[in-house]
Amino acid sequence: MTTWLVLAVPLLTMFFALFMERVEARLRHVAVQENEVEEFLEQARPEEVRVLYGHGIGRALELFRLRRRRGRAGRPRARRTRGNGP
């Protein structure tokens, strides 16, 4: 009986660790990055903060990113020229 425990416990621990590593890898891609949250808290508008309160950080960051994309689309891009200088 003790032989089974000696063999089973390390194997079960190893399989559990491998399973949790896969779960963590998936969550890493879904999770919100720390720098995104900091940027949101520094630059959020009142309606985005209301969405944060009502619907959570995922939806609030989605609206924040959408606003930032619209802002960038409205600005003309500086063109790069191929040359040796001004």
Protein backbone atom coordinates (compact mmCIF):
# COMPACT_ATOMS: atom_id res chain seq x y z
CA MET A 1 0.00 0.00 0.00
CA THR A 2 2.75 2.44 0.88
CA THR A 3 4.46 1.66 -2.42
CA TRP A 4 1.38 2.93 -4.27
CA LEU A 5 1.40 6.11 -2.23
CA VAL A 6 5.10 6.64 -2.84
CA LEU A 7 4.50 6.32 -6.59
CA ALA A 8 1.12 8.01 -6.84
CA VAL A 9 1.69 11.20 -4.86
CA PRO A 10 4.64 12.48 -6.93
CA LEU A 11 2.91 11.54 -10.18
CA LEU A 12 -0.32 13.25 -9.18
CA THR A 13 1.61 16.32 -8.05
CA MET A 14 3.47 16.45 -11.36
CA PHE A 15 0.29 16.12 -13.44
CA PHE A 16 -1.43 18.77 -11.35
CA ALA A 17 1.51 21.16 -11.85
CA LEU A 18 1.48 20.57 -15.62
CA PHE A 19 -2.28 21.15 -15.75
CA MET A 20 -2.00 24.38 -13.77
CA GLU A 21 0.79 25.60 -16.05
CA ARG A 22 -1.51 25.19 -19.06
CA VAL A 23 -4.31 27.03 -17.26
CA GLU A 24 -1.94 29.84 -16.32
CA ALA A 25 -0.67 30.17 -19.91
CA ARG A 26 -4.23 30.58 -21.18
CA LEU A 27 -5.06 33.11 -18.48
CA ARG A 28 -1.94 35.12 -19.28
CA HIS A 29 -3.28 35.80 -22.79
CA VAL A 30 -6.75 36.71 -21.54
CA ALA A 31 -5.71 38.73 -18.53
CA VAL A 32 -5.28 42.50 -18.52
CA GLN A 33 -1.71 43.76 -18.43
CA GLU A 34 -0.58 45.96 -15.54
CA ASN A 35 0.61 48.79 -17.78
CA GLU A 36 -2.80 48.89 -19.51
CA VAL A 37 -4.55 49.36 -16.18
CA GLU A 38 -2.12 52.11 -15.14
CA GLU A 39 -2.61 53.93 -18.44
CA PHE A 40 -6.38 53.58 -18.14
CA LEU A 41 -6.42 54.99 -14.62
CA GLU A 42 -4.29 57.96 -15.68
CA GLN A 43 -6.20 58.87 -18.86
CA ALA A 44 -9.75 57.55 -18.43
CA ARG A 45 -12.74 59.77 -19.08
CA PRO A 46 -15.74 59.84 -16.71
CA GLU A 47 -17.90 57.63 -18.95
CA GLU A 48 -15.12 55.03 -19.08
CA VAL A 49 -14.88 55.06 -15.28
CA ARG A 50 -18.66 54.53 -15.09
CA VAL A 51 -18.30 51.51 -17.38
CA LEU A 52 -15.49 50.24 -15.14
CA TYR A 53 -17.80 50.47 -12.15
CA GLY A 54 -20.79 48.92 -13.92
CA HIS A 55 -19.29 46.29 -16.22
CA GLY A 56 -15.73 45.63 -15.09
CA ILE A 57 -12.24 46.34 -16.33
CA GLY A 58 -12.55 44.33 -19.54
CA ARG A 59 -15.35 46.42 -21.03
CA ALA A 60 -13.86 49.68 -19.73
CA LEU A 61 -10.50 48.92 -21.36
CA GLU A 62 -12.28 47.99 -24.58
CA LEU A 63 -13.92 51.45 -24.71
CA PHE A 64 -10.62 53.11 -23.76
CA ARG A 65 -8.74 51.35 -26.57
CA LEU A 66 -11.49 52.20 -29.04
CA ARG A 67 -11.30 55.89 -28.12
CA ARG A 68 -7.53 55.89 -28.45
CA ARG A 69 -7.71 54.22 -31.89
CA ARG A 70 -10.22 56.81 -33.08
CA GLY A 71 -7.96 59.58 -31.80
CA ARG A 72 -4.99 58.22 -33.70
CA ALA A 73 -7.01 57.74 -36.88
CA GLY A 74 -7.99 61.40 -36.84
CA ARG A 75 -4.41 62.63 -36.70
CA PRO A 76 -2.35 62.71 -39.86
CA ARG A 77 0.71 60.53 -39.76
CA ALA A 78 4.12 62.02 -40.28
CA ARG A 79 5.63 60.63 -43.44
CA ARG A 80 9.08 59.23 -43.44
CA THR A 81 11.28 60.13 -46.32
CA ARG A 82 14.15 58.16 -47.64
CA GLY A 83 17.02 60.46 -47.86
CA ASN A 84 20.24 61.51 -46.27
CA GLY A 85 18.76 64.27 -44.19
CA PRO A 86 16.77 67.52 -44.26
